[in-house]
């Protein structure tokens, strides 16, 4: 248990560094893209590149870590992130939009591999401690929500080239990631896990528990990404300064991870599906607030609740997906789960820029409603199915 707690603490630290980087990238990628793009409808393409990098690498990353272990895999991810951040820095210095898109795509590989921090915690602890371990690791992102925007406010104009200092700061945080992951004590997967009989992925993915877990997590992430990516652009178009947008994004990240200190306990007390249903309900509230006004407080309240709704759906989905597979099936199941999430993010990040440019902030929010309804319906369907099974 002491080793498990140590690993959870180290993974939470890695998560804090991840979202220090991610909250900076979230606030900057769309704005840097807007500054460099000749066609402003392509402004969020660097964000899409970030997601594409993750979507293409998440399943291979999971299979790689099954072979070489979590520590080596996380090290590879951080080193790749350094390369991506360096390319972005060169792109900003030279004013090359397409090089910026390539750099964010490479940086996305780090983001994809780092998403497995939560699964590394889940796989290394007891079943009873699992929901809390996942929550505590994700809670590390709370630090990133505070540190990232503050660092970006200081570093964004550190050099004559706007945004360059903020991108260079990402490399420094990744050096810290490499140092932290070397202290992890997670053994390589047992030889028995490689030899054990595993079901075909198609059979795993057709289980109701897998379908609902992925639907909830993917739509929760997709809706969050759709609205979050557009927020700095929408606030800029409404006349709000970058400092206000960075503050809103920072509080959004706090909303994403602050509840993690108690989400695991809520799941244990009320049930994973009930917590996911509450997350979907919060997303409805987010849309209502976003449609009611465009002042900074409107953006602030909407983005904080957006983070909380995401938290309930994402942690709930992550917890639920562990019920869908055996130890021998974890790598491909986790990889398939995160691949679907990243593909959803890829579509929503690109669609976010197109919609905000062509239709505006209100239409963007209306667009999210049917997807929220699908997630809510899926969760309620599995809840009803389990209750009927319990009665029978």
Protein backbone atom coordinates (compact mmCIF):
# COMPACT_ATOMS: atom_id res chain seq x y z
CA UNK A 1 0.00 0.00 0.00
CA UNK A 2 2.90 2.39 0.73
CA UNK A 3 4.27 1.81 -2.78
CA UNK A 4 0.79 2.30 -4.24
CA UNK A 5 0.37 5.60 -2.41
CA UNK A 6 3.83 6.73 -3.51
CA UNK A 7 3.01 5.92 -7.13
CA UNK A 8 -0.31 7.76 -6.90
CA UNK A 9 1.46 10.82 -5.49
CA UNK A 10 4.10 10.76 -8.24
CA UNK A 11 1.46 10.28 -10.95
CA UNK A 12 -0.54 13.18 -9.47
CA UNK A 13 2.62 15.30 -9.73
CA UNK A 14 3.00 14.28 -13.38
CA UNK A 15 -0.65 15.18 -13.93
CA UNK A 16 -0.02 18.60 -12.40
CA UNK A 17 2.85 19.18 -14.82
CA UNK A 18 0.79 17.85 -17.72
CA UNK A 19 -1.98 20.35 -17.15
CA UNK A 20 0.44 23.16 -16.43
CA UNK A 21 1.51 22.53 -20.02
CA UNK A 22 -1.98 21.79 -21.34
CA UNK A 23 -3.68 24.82 -19.81
CA UNK A 24 -0.96 26.96 -21.37
CA UNK A 25 -1.39 25.22 -24.73
CA UNK A 26 -5.19 25.49 -24.54
CA UNK A 27 -5.01 29.23 -23.96
CA UNK A 28 -2.33 29.78 -26.64
CA UNK A 29 -2.84 27.38 -29.55
CA UNK A 30 -6.01 28.96 -30.88
CA UNK A 31 -4.72 32.50 -30.41
CA UNK A 32 -1.34 31.74 -31.97
CA UNK A 33 -3.13 30.01 -34.82
CA UNK A 34 -5.40 33.01 -35.29
CA UNK A 35 -2.38 35.32 -35.39
CA UNK A 36 -0.53 33.24 -38.02
CA UNK A 37 -3.36 31.84 -40.16
CA UNK A 38 -4.22 33.64 -43.39
CA UNK A 39 -7.69 32.03 -43.24
CA UNK A 40 -9.04 32.74 -39.76
CA UNK A 41 -11.48 29.82 -39.97
CA UNK A 42 -8.36 27.63 -39.60
CA UNK A 43 -7.36 29.34 -36.34
CA UNK A 44 -8.03 26.27 -34.19
CA UNK A 45 -6.16 23.91 -36.57
CA UNK A 46 -3.12 23.91 -34.21
CA UNK A 47 -5.49 22.64 -31.50
CA UNK A 48 -6.75 19.99 -33.92
CA UNK A 49 -3.14 19.02 -34.68
CA UNK A 50 -2.55 18.57 -30.95
CA UNK A 51 -5.55 16.22 -30.82
CA UNK A 52 -4.57 14.38 -34.02
CA UNK A 53 -1.16 13.64 -32.55
CA UNK A 54 -2.89 12.10 -29.58
CA UNK A 55 -5.44 10.19 -31.64
CA UNK A 56 -2.75 8.59 -33.81
CA UNK A 57 -0.49 7.60 -30.93
CA UNK A 58 -2.78 6.60 -28.06
CA UNK A 59 -3.31 2.93 -29.02
CA UNK A 60 0.33 2.33 -30.05
CA UNK A 61 1.40 4.04 -26.81
CA UNK A 62 -0.73 1.68 -24.73
CA UNK A 63 0.66 -1.39 -26.50
CA UNK A 64 4.20 0.00 -26.16
CA UNK A 65 3.83 0.46 -22.41
CA UNK A 66 2.54 -3.09 -22.11
CA UNK A 67 5.95 -4.15 -23.42
CA UNK A 68 8.40 -1.65 -21.92
CA UNK A 69 6.50 -0.54 -18.81
CA UNK A 70 4.91 2.68 -17.64
CA UNK A 71 8.08 4.47 -16.53
CA UNK A 72 9.87 4.06 -19.87
CA UNK A 73 6.70 4.89 -21.78
CA UNK A 74 6.06 8.09 -19.83
CA UNK A 75 9.70 9.11 -20.37
CA UNK A 76 9.34 8.67 -24.14
CA UNK A 77 6.18 10.79 -24.01
CA UNK A 78 7.84 13.68 -22.18
CA UNK A 79 10.86 13.70 -24.50
CA UNK A 80 8.53 13.79 -27.52
CA UNK A 81 6.70 16.71 -25.92
CA UNK A 82 9.98 18.63 -25.69
CA UNK A 83 10.52 18.15 -29.43
CA UNK A 84 6.98 19.34 -30.16
CA UNK A 85 7.31 22.44 -28.00
CA UNK A 86 10.64 23.28 -29.66
CA UNK A 87 9.05 23.02 -33.13
CA UNK A 88 6.19 25.31 -32.00
CA UNK A 89 8.75 27.83 -30.76
CA UNK A 90 10.55 27.84 -34.11
CA UNK A 91 7.18 28.22 -35.87
CA UNK A 92 6.32 31.28 -33.78
CA UNK A 93 9.74 32.82 -34.38
CA UNK A 94 9.51 32.32 -38.15
CA UNK A 95 5.79 33.07 -38.40
CA UNK A 96 5.03 29.70 -40.02
CA UNK A 97 1.42 28.60 -39.41
CA UNK A 98 1.80 25.10 -40.84
CA UNK A 99 4.96 24.44 -38.84
CA UNK A 100 3.00 25.45 -35.73
CA UNK A 101 0.35 22.88 -36.65
CA UNK A 102 3.08 20.22 -37.06
CA UNK A 103 4.63 21.16 -33.72
CA UNK A 104 1.34 20.87 -31.85
CA UNK A 105 0.76 17.48 -33.53
CA UNK A 106 4.09 16.21 -32.17
CA UNK A 107 3.28 17.72 -28.77
CA UNK A 108 0.00 15.80 -28.87
CA UNK A 109 1.93 12.52 -28.59
CA UNK A 110 3.04 13.56 -25.10
CA UNK A 111 -0.55 14.42 -24.19
CA UNK A 112 -1.77 11.01 -25.38
CA UNK A 113 0.84 9.05 -23.43
CA UNK A 114 0.27 11.19 -20.33
CA UNK A 115 -3.46 10.32 -20.38
CA UNK A 116 -2.36 6.89 -19.12
CA UNK A 117 -1.30 8.34 -15.77
CA UNK A 118 -4.83 7.59 -14.53
CA UNK A 119 -4.76 4.03 -15.85
CA UNK A 120 -1.31 3.46 -14.38
CA UNK A 121 -2.77 4.37 -10.99
CA UNK A 122 -5.85 2.19 -11.52
CA UNK A 123 -3.77 -0.84 -12.53
CA UNK A 124 -1.35 -0.54 -9.60
CA UNK A 125 -3.85 -0.43 -6.70
CA UNK A 126 -6.56 -2.60 -5.21
CA UNK A 127 -10.07 -2.65 -6.68
CA UNK A 128 -11.46 -0.86 -3.62
CA UNK A 129 -8.88 1.95 -3.85
CA UNK A 130 -9.19 2.28 -7.65
CA UNK A 131 -11.83 5.06 -7.97
CA UNK A 132 -10.04 7.17 -5.36
CA UNK A 133 -6.63 6.56 -6.96
CA UNK A 134 -7.95 7.71 -10.35
CA UNK A 135 -9.50 10.78 -8.73
CA UNK A 136 -6.37 11.70 -6.79
CA UNK A 137 -4.15 11.44 -9.87
CA UNK A 138 -6.52 13.64 -11.87
CA UNK A 139 -6.66 16.06 -8.94
CA UNK A 140 -3.05 16.90 -9.75
CA UNK A 141 -4.41 18.83 -12.71
CA UNK A 142 -5.72 21.39 -10.24
CA UNK A 143 -2.17 22.67 -9.76
CA UNK A 144 -1.78 22.97 -13.51
CA UNK A 145 -4.92 25.08 -13.69
CA UNK A 146 -3.34 27.58 -11.32
CA UNK A 147 0.29 27.51 -12.44
CA UNK A 148 -0.13 27.25 -16.22
CA UNK A 149 -2.13 30.44 -16.89
CA UNK A 150 -0.01 32.47 -14.46
CA UNK A 151 3.21 31.33 -16.15
CA UNK A 152 1.73 32.09 -19.57
CA UNK A 153 0.70 35.61 -18.50
CA UNK A 154 4.33 36.27 -17.48
CA UNK A 155 6.01 34.50 -20.39
CA UNK A 156 3.71 35.35 -23.31
CA UNK A 157 5.53 38.64 -23.98
CA UNK A 158 8.90 37.63 -22.57
CA UNK A 159 10.45 37.93 -26.04
CA UNK A 160 9.78 40.24 -28.95
CA UNK A 161 7.93 37.42 -30.73
CA UNK A 162 4.47 37.24 -29.16
CA UNK A 163 3.70 33.86 -27.46
CA UNK A 164 7.26 32.53 -27.95
CA UNK A 165 8.23 32.64 -24.27
CA UNK A 166 5.11 30.72 -23.26
CA UNK A 167 5.91 27.88 -25.67
CA UNK A 168 9.51 27.73 -24.48
CA UNK A 169 8.29 27.42 -20.87
CA UNK A 170 6.63 24.12 -21.80
CA UNK A 171 10.06 22.54 -22.32
CA UNK A 172 11.14 23.43 -18.79
CA UNK A 173 8.10 21.72 -17.27
CA UNK A 174 8.72 18.62 -19.39
CA UNK A 175 12.24 18.34 -17.97
CA UNK A 176 10.60 18.09 -14.54
CA UNK A 177 8.25 15.37 -15.84
CA UNK A 178 11.21 13.24 -16.92
CA UNK A 179 12.72 13.56 -13.44
CA UNK A 180 9.51 12.63 -11.63
CA UNK A 181 8.67 9.52 -13.68
CA UNK A 182 12.07 8.02 -12.92
CA UNK A 183 10.91 7.59 -9.30
CA UNK A 184 7.86 5.47 -10.22
CA UNK A 185 7.88 1.88 -8.94
CA UNK A 186 5.44 0.19 -11.29
CA UNK A 187 6.64 -3.26 -12.40
CA UNK A 188 6.52 -4.44 -15.98
CA UNK A 189 3.36 -6.40 -16.85
CA UNK A 190 3.59 -9.98 -15.64
CA UNK A 191 4.50 -12.62 -18.18
CA UNK A 192 1.17 -14.32 -17.41
CA UNK A 193 -0.66 -11.22 -18.64
CA UNK A 194 1.02 -11.60 -22.05
CA UNK A 195 0.17 -15.30 -22.26
CA UNK A 196 -3.36 -15.13 -20.84
CA UNK A 197 -6.28 -15.70 -23.17
CA UNK A 198 -7.79 -12.37 -24.22
CA UNK A 199 -11.07 -11.79 -26.00
CA UNK A 200 -11.12 -10.10 -29.41
CA UNK A 201 -11.35 -6.31 -29.16
CA UNK A 202 -14.67 -6.35 -31.03
CA UNK A 203 -16.19 -8.55 -28.32
CA UNK A 204 -14.92 -6.24 -25.58
CA UNK A 205 -16.20 -3.12 -27.35
CA UNK A 206 -19.73 -4.49 -27.83
CA UNK A 207 -20.31 -4.90 -24.10
CA UNK A 208 -22.89 -2.44 -22.71
CA UNK A 209 -20.45 -1.35 -19.98
CA UNK A 210 -17.78 -0.47 -22.57
CA UNK A 211 -20.23 1.36 -24.81
CA UNK A 212 -21.58 3.53 -21.98
CA UNK A 213 -18.16 4.16 -20.45
CA UNK A 214 -16.72 5.37 -23.77
CA UNK A 215 -19.86 7.28 -24.76
CA UNK A 216 -19.91 9.20 -21.47
CA UNK A 217 -16.19 9.95 -21.41
CA UNK A 218 -15.90 10.77 -25.14
CA UNK A 219 -18.94 13.05 -25.26
CA UNK A 220 -17.96 14.67 -21.97
CA UNK A 221 -14.50 15.36 -23.38
CA UNK A 222 -15.88 16.34 -26.79
CA UNK A 223 -18.35 18.90 -25.48
CA UNK A 224 -15.76 20.27 -23.08
CA UNK A 225 -13.22 20.56 -25.89
CA UNK A 226 -15.75 22.15 -28.27
CA UNK A 227 -16.60 24.96 -25.86
CA UNK A 228 -13.21 25.34 -24.18
CA UNK A 229 -11.26 25.64 -27.44
CA UNK A 230 -13.58 28.39 -28.67
CA UNK A 231 -13.65 30.34 -25.41
CA UNK A 232 -10.39 32.36 -25.82
CA UNK A 233 -11.44 33.24 -29.38
CA UNK A 234 -15.00 34.09 -28.35
CA UNK A 235 -13.77 36.27 -25.48
CA UNK A 236 -11.36 38.05 -27.81
CA UNK A 237 -14.15 38.70 -30.32
CA UNK A 238 -16.27 40.07 -27.46
CA UNK A 239 -13.52 42.55 -26.61
CA UNK A 240 -12.15 40.84 -23.50
CA UNK A 241 -8.32 40.92 -23.01
CA UNK A 242 -6.02 37.87 -23.10
CA UNK A 243 -5.51 38.10 -19.33
CA UNK A 244 -9.26 37.56 -18.81
CA UNK A 245 -9.27 34.58 -21.18
CA UNK A 246 -6.24 33.04 -19.44
CA UNK A 247 -7.94 33.48 -16.06
CA UNK A 248 -11.15 31.86 -17.32
CA UNK A 249 -9.21 28.91 -18.76
CA UNK A 250 -7.28 28.59 -15.50
CA UNK A 251 -10.50 28.42 -13.49
CA UNK A 252 -11.90 25.98 -16.03
CA UNK A 253 -8.96 23.65 -15.39
CA UNK A 254 -9.55 24.06 -11.65
CA UNK A 255 -13.18 23.08 -12.28
CA UNK A 256 -11.94 20.05 -14.19
CA UNK A 257 -9.72 18.76 -11.41
CA UNK A 258 -10.79 20.36 -8.14
CA UNK A 259 -13.72 17.91 -7.73
CA UNK A 260 -11.28 15.01 -8.09
CA UNK A 261 -10.59 15.17 -4.36
CA UNK A 262 -14.09 13.85 -3.74
CA UNK A 263 -15.34 12.35 -7.05
CA UNK A 264 -13.95 8.94 -6.10
CA UNK A 265 -15.80 9.09 -2.78
CA UNK A 266 -19.00 10.13 -4.58
CA UNK A 267 -18.68 7.15 -6.92
CA UNK A 268 -18.16 4.82 -3.99
CA UNK A 269 -21.18 6.24 -2.13
CA UNK A 270 -23.73 6.87 -4.90
CA UNK A 271 -22.49 4.73 -7.78
CA UNK A 272 -20.53 5.44 -10.93
CA UNK A 273 -23.56 5.82 -13.21
CA UNK A 274 -25.26 8.28 -10.86
CA UNK A 275 -22.16 10.47 -10.85
CA UNK A 276 -21.96 10.33 -14.65
CA UNK A 277 -25.63 11.34 -14.91
CA UNK A 278 -24.91 14.34 -12.68
CA UNK A 279 -22.07 15.28 -15.03
CA UNK A 280 -24.41 15.27 -18.04
CA UNK A 281 -26.90 17.43 -16.13
CA UNK A 282 -24.18 19.98 -15.39
CA UNK A 283 -23.38 20.25 -19.10
CA UNK A 284 -26.98 21.30 -19.76
CA UNK A 285 -26.53 24.04 -17.15
CA UNK A 286 -23.29 25.14 -18.87
CA UNK A 287 -25.10 25.70 -22.17
CA UNK A 288 -27.87 27.64 -20.44
CA UNK A 289 -25.34 30.00 -18.80
CA UNK A 290 -23.32 30.43 -22.01
CA UNK A 291 -26.46 31.37 -23.93
CA UNK A 292 -27.56 33.91 -21.32
CA UNK A 293 -24.73 36.46 -21.84
CA UNK A 294 -21.18 37.22 -22.99
CA UNK A 295 -19.70 39.06 -20.01
CA UNK A 296 -16.57 37.71 -18.32
CA UNK A 297 -18.63 36.29 -15.40
CA UNK A 298 -20.82 34.38 -17.90
CA UNK A 299 -17.74 32.81 -19.50
CA UNK A 300 -16.26 32.15 -16.05
CA UNK A 301 -19.32 30.39 -14.58
CA UNK A 302 -19.92 28.38 -17.75
CA UNK A 303 -16.31 27.19 -17.99
CA UNK A 304 -16.04 26.26 -14.30
CA UNK A 305 -19.20 24.14 -14.49
CA UNK A 306 -18.00 22.72 -17.81
CA UNK A 307 -14.91 21.48 -15.99
CA UNK A 308 -16.95 19.87 -13.20
CA UNK A 309 -19.31 18.17 -15.67
CA UNK A 310 -16.32 16.82 -17.57
CA UNK A 311 -14.78 15.57 -14.32
CA UNK A 312 -17.84 13.51 -13.38
CA UNK A 313 -18.19 11.99 -16.86
CA UNK A 314 -14.47 11.38 -17.41
CA UNK A 315 -13.63 9.87 -14.02
CA UNK A 316 -16.88 7.92 -14.13
CA UNK A 317 -16.07 6.60 -17.60
CA UNK A 318 -12.50 5.72 -16.59
CA UNK A 319 -13.78 3.82 -13.55
CA UNK A 320 -16.46 2.06 -15.58
CA UNK A 321 -14.06 0.95 -18.33
CA UNK A 322 -12.04 -1.04 -15.76
CA UNK A 323 -15.09 -3.34 -15.44
CA UNK A 324 -14.95 -4.17 -19.14
CA UNK A 325 -11.63 -6.03 -19.32
CA UNK A 326 -9.30 -8.52 -17.67
CA UNK A 327 -5.64 -7.80 -16.89
CA UNK A 328 -4.58 -9.36 -20.20
CA UNK A 329 -7.04 -7.12 -22.07
CA UNK A 330 -6.19 -3.81 -20.39
CA UNK A 331 -3.73 -2.42 -22.93
CA UNK A 332 -5.94 -2.78 -25.99
CA UNK A 333 -9.11 -1.85 -24.09
CA UNK A 334 -7.56 1.30 -22.62
CA UNK A 335 -6.05 2.12 -26.01
CA UNK A 336 -9.38 1.72 -27.82
CA UNK A 337 -11.12 3.84 -25.18
CA UNK A 338 -8.64 6.70 -25.47
CA UNK A 339 -8.48 6.46 -29.27
CA UNK A 340 -12.23 7.09 -29.45
CA UNK A 341 -11.90 9.99 -27.02
CA UNK A 342 -9.09 11.57 -29.06
CA UNK A 343 -10.98 11.12 -32.33
CA UNK A 344 -13.94 12.91 -30.74
CA UNK A 345 -11.65 15.69 -29.57
CA UNK A 346 -10.14 15.95 -33.07
CA UNK A 347 -13.54 16.59 -34.63
CA UNK A 348 -14.67 19.02 -31.94
CA UNK A 349 -11.44 21.05 -31.85
CA UNK A 350 -11.56 21.67 -35.61
CA UNK A 351 -15.34 22.15 -35.62
CA UNK A 352 -14.98 24.64 -32.80
CA UNK A 353 -12.93 27.04 -34.92
CA UNK A 354 -15.19 26.69 -37.94
CA UNK A 355 -18.39 27.21 -35.93
CA UNK A 356 -17.11 30.18 -33.92
CA UNK A 357 -15.91 31.85 -37.12
CA UNK A 358 -18.97 31.14 -39.27
CA UNK A 359 -21.88 30.82 -36.82
CA UNK A 360 -20.81 32.38 -33.55
CA UNK A 361 -20.75 31.49 -29.87
CA UNK A 362 -24.49 30.87 -29.46
CA UNK A 363 -24.81 28.36 -32.32
CA UNK A 364 -21.72 26.59 -30.98
CA UNK A 365 -23.50 26.04 -27.66
CA UNK A 366 -26.73 24.89 -29.28
CA UNK A 367 -24.66 22.41 -31.28
CA UNK A 368 -23.53 20.72 -28.05
CA UNK A 369 -27.05 19.92 -26.80
CA UNK A 370 -27.85 16.76 -28.83
CA UNK A 371 -24.53 15.20 -27.88
CA UNK A 372 -25.11 15.86 -24.19
CA UNK A 373 -28.50 14.18 -24.58
CA UNK A 374 -26.89 11.07 -26.12
CA UNK A 375 -24.48 10.77 -23.16
CA UNK A 376 -27.28 11.23 -20.62
CA UNK A 377 -29.49 8.67 -22.39
CA UNK A 378 -26.68 6.09 -22.52
CA UNK A 379 -25.93 6.42 -18.80
CA UNK A 380 -29.62 6.24 -17.82
CA UNK A 381 -30.10 3.21 -20.09
CA UNK A 382 -27.32 1.21 -18.38
CA UNK A 383 -28.55 2.33 -14.96
CA UNK A 384 -32.06 1.07 -15.74
CA UNK A 385 -30.65 -2.15 -17.20
CA UNK A 386 -28.66 -2.85 -14.02
CA UNK A 387 -31.58 -2.08 -11.76
CA UNK A 388 -33.82 -4.46 -13.71
CA UNK A 389 -31.12 -7.15 -13.50
CA UNK A 390 -30.85 -6.61 -9.73
CA UNK A 391 -34.61 -7.00 -9.30
CA UNK A 392 -34.68 -10.11 -11.45
